Amino acid sequence: MTQATNVKNLSLYHFQACPFCARTRQVIDLLGLDIPKKDTRLKPAYRTELVQQGGRSQVPCLKIETLDGQTEWLYESSDIIKYLRANADILSELNTQTA
């Protein structure tokens, strides 16, 4: 799994009616993280991007872009939430650097 200290950018692929996505968004909000959200139902281009680059259309999916140009696609709400909680302090610093 990507070290949070090497993260350049995060994006969450989701859709509103998905209960696993809602749970993930809730944790993002509780942690105070500013992660761009890409609704795959409202914008089909996001779904295409998810399938072409991530390999699956499954949501939620956290796209983790690193400083060295690598991209990791993290599926499963429980894995995403675990990653965000474990790295919240470092990732909140990312928010202030990109703001």
N, C-alpha and C. Protein backbone atom coordinates (compact mmCIF):
# COMPACT_ATOMS: atom_id res chain seq x y z
N MET A 1 0.85 -1.18 0.00
CA MET A 1 0.00 0.00 0.00
C MET A 1 0.89 1.24 0.00
N THR A 2 0.46 2.26 -0.69
CA THR A 2 1.20 3.50 -0.82
C THR A 2 1.36 4.20 0.53
N GLN A 3 2.58 4.62 0.81
CA GLN A 3 2.85 5.40 2.02
C GLN A 3 2.23 6.78 1.86
N ALA A 4 1.52 7.24 2.87
CA ALA A 4 0.83 8.53 2.80
C ALA A 4 1.80 9.68 2.62
N THR A 5 3.04 9.53 3.08
CA THR A 5 4.03 10.61 2.92
C THR A 5 4.43 10.80 1.47
N ASN A 6 4.11 9.85 0.61
CA ASN A 6 4.44 9.91 -0.80
C ASN A 6 3.24 10.30 -1.66
N VAL A 7 2.12 10.65 -1.05
CA VAL A 7 0.89 10.94 -1.79
C VAL A 7 0.90 12.37 -2.34
N LYS A 8 0.56 12.47 -3.60
CA LYS A 8 0.45 13.78 -4.27
C LYS A 8 -1.01 14.22 -4.34
N ASN A 9 -1.90 13.26 -4.65
CA ASN A 9 -3.30 13.60 -4.87
C ASN A 9 -4.19 12.38 -4.61
N LEU A 10 -5.40 12.64 -4.14
CA LEU A 10 -6.41 11.60 -3.92
C LEU A 10 -7.69 11.99 -4.63
N SER A 11 -8.44 10.99 -5.11
CA SER A 11 -9.78 11.20 -5.66
C SER A 11 -10.64 10.01 -5.26
N LEU A 12 -11.90 10.27 -4.94
CA LEU A 12 -12.83 9.20 -4.60
C LEU A 12 -13.85 9.04 -5.72
N TYR A 13 -13.89 7.86 -6.31
CA TYR A 13 -14.91 7.51 -7.30
C TYR A 13 -16.07 6.90 -6.53
N HIS A 14 -17.28 7.35 -6.80
CA HIS A 14 -18.44 6.95 -6.01
C HIS A 14 -19.72 7.23 -6.80
N PHE A 15 -20.87 6.90 -6.21
CA PHE A 15 -22.14 7.45 -6.63
C PHE A 15 -23.03 7.59 -5.40
N GLN A 16 -23.96 8.51 -5.47
CA GLN A 16 -24.71 8.94 -4.30
C GLN A 16 -25.52 7.83 -3.63
N ALA A 17 -26.15 6.97 -4.39
CA ALA A 17 -27.05 5.97 -3.81
C ALA A 17 -26.34 4.75 -3.24
N CYS A 18 -25.05 4.65 -3.40
CA CYS A 18 -24.28 3.50 -2.93
C CYS A 18 -24.04 3.61 -1.42
N PRO A 19 -24.53 2.65 -0.63
CA PRO A 19 -24.36 2.73 0.83
C PRO A 19 -22.90 2.63 1.27
N PHE A 20 -22.08 1.87 0.55
CA PHE A 20 -20.66 1.77 0.89
C PHE A 20 -19.95 3.08 0.58
N CYS A 21 -20.38 3.74 -0.48
CA CYS A 21 -19.83 5.05 -0.82
C CYS A 21 -20.23 6.08 0.24
N ALA A 22 -21.48 6.01 0.69
CA ALA A 22 -21.95 6.95 1.72
C ALA A 22 -21.14 6.80 2.99
N ARG A 23 -20.87 5.58 3.36
CA ARG A 23 -20.05 5.32 4.56
C ARG A 23 -18.65 5.90 4.39
N THR A 24 -18.08 5.73 3.23
CA THR A 24 -16.74 6.26 2.95
C THR A 24 -16.75 7.78 2.96
N ARG A 25 -17.74 8.39 2.33
CA ARG A 25 -17.84 9.86 2.32
C ARG A 25 -18.00 10.40 3.73
N GLN A 26 -18.77 9.71 4.55
CA GLN A 26 -18.99 10.14 5.93
C GLN A 26 -17.66 10.17 6.70
N VAL A 27 -16.86 9.15 6.54
CA VAL A 27 -15.56 9.10 7.22
C VAL A 27 -14.65 10.22 6.71
N ILE A 28 -14.66 10.45 5.41
CA ILE A 28 -13.86 11.55 4.84
C ILE A 28 -14.25 12.86 5.50
N ASP A 29 -15.56 13.10 5.62
CA ASP A 29 -16.04 14.33 6.25
C ASP A 29 -15.66 14.39 7.73
N LEU A 30 -15.82 13.28 8.44
CA LEU A 30 -15.48 13.24 9.87
C LEU A 30 -14.00 13.51 10.11
N LEU A 31 -13.16 13.05 9.20
CA LEU A 31 -11.72 13.27 9.32
C LEU A 31 -11.29 14.65 8.83
N GLY A 32 -12.23 15.37 8.21
CA GLY A 32 -11.93 16.72 7.72
C GLY A 32 -11.03 16.73 6.50
N LEU A 33 -11.09 15.68 5.71
CA LEU A 33 -10.25 15.59 4.51
C LEU A 33 -10.97 16.18 3.31
N ASP A 34 -10.24 16.88 2.49
CA ASP A 34 -10.79 17.50 1.29
C ASP A 34 -10.37 16.66 0.09
N ILE A 35 -11.13 15.63 -0.18
CA ILE A 35 -10.83 14.71 -1.27
C ILE A 35 -11.86 14.92 -2.37
N PRO A 36 -11.42 15.27 -3.58
CA PRO A 36 -12.36 15.43 -4.69
C PRO A 36 -13.15 14.14 -4.92
N LYS A 37 -14.44 14.31 -5.16
CA LYS A 37 -15.33 13.17 -5.37
C LYS A 37 -15.81 13.17 -6.81
N LYS A 38 -15.73 12.00 -7.43
CA LYS A 38 -16.12 11.85 -8.83
C LYS A 38 -17.29 10.87 -8.91
N ASP A 39 -18.47 11.41 -9.16
CA ASP A 39 -19.69 10.61 -9.22
C ASP A 39 -19.78 9.92 -10.58
N THR A 40 -19.65 8.60 -10.57
CA THR A 40 -19.60 7.83 -11.80
C THR A 40 -20.96 7.68 -12.48
N ARG A 41 -22.03 7.99 -11.77
CA ARG A 41 -23.36 7.92 -12.39
C ARG A 41 -23.73 9.25 -13.03
N LEU A 42 -23.31 10.35 -12.41
CA LEU A 42 -23.61 11.67 -12.96
C LEU A 42 -22.72 12.02 -14.14
N LYS A 43 -21.50 11.54 -14.12
CA LYS A 43 -20.55 11.81 -15.20
C LYS A 43 -19.99 10.48 -15.71
N PRO A 44 -20.56 9.98 -16.77
CA PRO A 44 -20.09 8.70 -17.32
C PRO A 44 -18.60 8.70 -17.65
N ALA A 45 -18.02 9.85 -17.91
CA ALA A 45 -16.58 9.92 -18.19
C ALA A 45 -15.76 9.46 -16.99
N TYR A 46 -16.27 9.70 -15.78
CA TYR A 46 -15.58 9.23 -14.57
C TYR A 46 -15.60 7.70 -14.50
N ARG A 47 -16.73 7.11 -14.88
CA ARG A 47 -16.82 5.65 -14.88
C ARG A 47 -15.85 5.06 -15.91
N THR A 48 -15.80 5.68 -17.08
CA THR A 48 -14.87 5.24 -18.12
C THR A 48 -13.43 5.33 -17.63
N GLU A 49 -13.11 6.45 -16.99
CA GLU A 49 -11.77 6.65 -16.43
C GLU A 49 -11.44 5.57 -15.39
N LEU A 50 -12.41 5.28 -14.54
CA LEU A 50 -12.23 4.27 -13.50
C LEU A 50 -11.96 2.89 -14.11
N VAL A 51 -12.73 2.52 -15.12
CA VAL A 51 -12.57 1.21 -15.76
C VAL A 51 -11.26 1.14 -16.54
N GLN A 52 -10.97 2.18 -17.33
CA GLN A 52 -9.77 2.15 -18.17
C GLN A 52 -8.48 2.22 -17.37
N GLN A 53 -8.48 3.01 -16.30
CA GLN A 53 -7.24 3.18 -15.54
C GLN A 53 -7.16 2.26 -14.32
N GLY A 54 -8.31 2.04 -13.68
CA GLY A 54 -8.32 1.22 -12.47
C GLY A 54 -8.60 -0.25 -12.72
N GLY A 55 -9.23 -0.54 -13.86
CA GLY A 55 -9.48 -1.93 -14.22
C GLY A 55 -10.84 -2.47 -13.84
N ARG A 56 -11.58 -1.73 -13.00
CA ARG A 56 -12.92 -2.18 -12.58
C ARG A 56 -13.83 -0.97 -12.44
N SER A 57 -15.14 -1.21 -12.51
CA SER A 57 -16.10 -0.13 -12.34
C SER A 57 -16.61 -0.04 -10.90
N GLN A 58 -16.07 -0.85 -10.02
CA GLN A 58 -16.53 -0.93 -8.62
C GLN A 58 -16.28 0.37 -7.87
N VAL A 59 -17.30 0.79 -7.12
CA VAL A 59 -17.18 1.94 -6.23
C VAL A 59 -17.58 1.53 -4.83
N PRO A 60 -17.06 2.19 -3.80
CA PRO A 60 -16.13 3.30 -3.89
C PRO A 60 -14.73 2.82 -4.28
N CYS A 61 -13.98 3.74 -4.84
CA CYS A 61 -12.60 3.49 -5.18
C CYS A 61 -11.81 4.76 -4.91
N LEU A 62 -10.72 4.62 -4.19
CA LEU A 62 -9.84 5.75 -3.90
C LEU A 62 -8.65 5.67 -4.84
N LYS A 63 -8.50 6.70 -5.65
CA LYS A 63 -7.35 6.81 -6.55
C LYS A 63 -6.26 7.55 -5.78
N ILE A 64 -5.11 6.91 -5.63
CA ILE A 64 -3.98 7.47 -4.89
C ILE A 64 -2.85 7.73 -5.89
N GLU A 65 -2.55 9.00 -6.11
CA GLU A 65 -1.46 9.38 -7.00
C GLU A 65 -0.26 9.78 -6.16
N THR A 66 0.90 9.28 -6.52
CA THR A 66 2.10 9.52 -5.71
C THR A 66 3.02 10.56 -6.34
N LEU A 67 3.95 11.04 -5.53
CA LEU A 67 4.90 12.04 -5.99
C LEU A 67 5.81 11.52 -7.09
N ASP A 68 6.01 10.21 -7.14
CA ASP A 68 6.87 9.63 -8.17
C ASP A 68 6.11 9.18 -9.42
N GLY A 69 4.84 9.61 -9.53
CA GLY A 69 4.06 9.35 -10.75
C GLY A 69 3.31 8.04 -10.79
N GLN A 70 3.34 7.28 -9.72
CA GLN A 70 2.60 6.02 -9.65
C GLN A 70 1.15 6.28 -9.24
N THR A 71 0.27 5.36 -9.61
CA THR A 71 -1.13 5.45 -9.22
C THR A 71 -1.57 4.11 -8.65
N GLU A 72 -2.24 4.17 -7.51
CA GLU A 72 -2.81 2.97 -6.89
C GLU A 72 -4.32 3.17 -6.80
N TRP A 73 -5.05 2.12 -7.09
CA TRP A 73 -6.50 2.14 -7.03
C TRP A 73 -6.93 1.26 -5.85
N LEU A 74 -7.50 1.88 -4.83
CA LEU A 74 -7.88 1.16 -3.62
C LEU A 74 -9.39 0.96 -3.61
N TYR A 75 -9.82 -0.29 -3.71
CA TYR A 75 -11.23 -0.65 -3.71
C TYR A 75 -11.63 -1.13 -2.32
N GLU A 76 -12.90 -1.31 -2.10
CA GLU A 76 -13.48 -1.79 -0.84
C GLU A 76 -13.52 -0.66 0.20
N SER A 77 -14.72 -0.32 0.60
CA SER A 77 -14.91 0.79 1.55
C SER A 77 -14.13 0.56 2.84
N SER A 78 -14.10 -0.66 3.34
CA SER A 78 -13.40 -0.92 4.60
C SER A 78 -11.88 -0.67 4.45
N ASP A 79 -11.32 -1.03 3.31
CA ASP A 79 -9.89 -0.79 3.07
C ASP A 79 -9.61 0.71 2.91
N ILE A 80 -10.49 1.40 2.21
CA ILE A 80 -10.34 2.85 2.02
C ILE A 80 -10.41 3.56 3.37
N ILE A 81 -11.41 3.21 4.16
CA ILE A 81 -11.59 3.83 5.48
C ILE A 81 -10.40 3.54 6.38
N LYS A 82 -9.92 2.32 6.37
CA LYS A 82 -8.75 1.94 7.18
C LYS A 82 -7.54 2.78 6.77
N TYR A 83 -7.32 2.94 5.48
CA TYR A 83 -6.20 3.73 4.96
C TYR A 83 -6.33 5.20 5.38
N LEU A 84 -7.53 5.75 5.23
CA LEU A 84 -7.74 7.16 5.56
C LEU A 84 -7.57 7.41 7.06
N ARG A 85 -8.12 6.55 7.87
CA ARG A 85 -7.99 6.72 9.33
C ARG A 85 -6.53 6.59 9.77
N ALA A 86 -5.82 5.63 9.23
CA ALA A 86 -4.43 5.41 9.62
C ALA A 86 -3.52 6.55 9.20
N ASN A 87 -3.92 7.29 8.17
CA ASN A 87 -3.07 8.33 7.60
C ASN A 87 -3.69 9.73 7.64
N ALA A 88 -4.72 9.92 8.44
CA ALA A 88 -5.47 11.18 8.45
C ALA A 88 -4.58 12.39 8.70
N ASP A 89 -3.65 12.30 9.64
CA ASP A 89 -2.80 13.45 9.95
C ASP A 89 -1.95 13.86 8.75
N ILE A 90 -1.34 12.89 8.12
CA ILE A 90 -0.49 13.18 6.96
C ILE A 90 -1.33 13.68 5.79
N LEU A 91 -2.48 13.05 5.57
CA LEU A 91 -3.34 13.43 4.45
C LEU A 91 -3.97 14.81 4.66
N SER A 92 -4.22 15.21 5.90
CA SER A 92 -4.75 16.55 6.15
C SER A 92 -3.71 17.60 5.81
N GLU A 93 -2.42 17.27 5.98
CA GLU A 93 -1.35 18.17 5.56
C GLU A 93 -1.34 18.31 4.03
N LEU A 94 -1.66 17.24 3.34
CA LEU A 94 -1.75 17.27 1.88
C LEU A 94 -2.79 18.29 1.46
N ASN A 95 -3.93 18.34 2.21
CA ASN A 95 -4.99 19.31 1.90
C ASN A 95 -4.47 20.73 1.96
N THR A 96 -3.68 21.04 2.97
CA THR A 96 -3.20 22.43 3.13
C THR A 96 -2.14 22.76 2.09
N GLN A 97 -1.38 21.77 1.63
CA GLN A 97 -0.37 22.02 0.63
C GLN A 97 -0.96 22.26 -0.76
N THR A 98 -2.10 21.61 -1.06
CA THR A 98 -2.70 21.74 -2.38
C THR A 98 -3.76 22.83 -2.42
N ALA A 99 -4.14 23.38 -1.26
CA ALA A 99 -5.19 24.42 -1.21
C ALA A 99 -4.67 25.75 -1.68
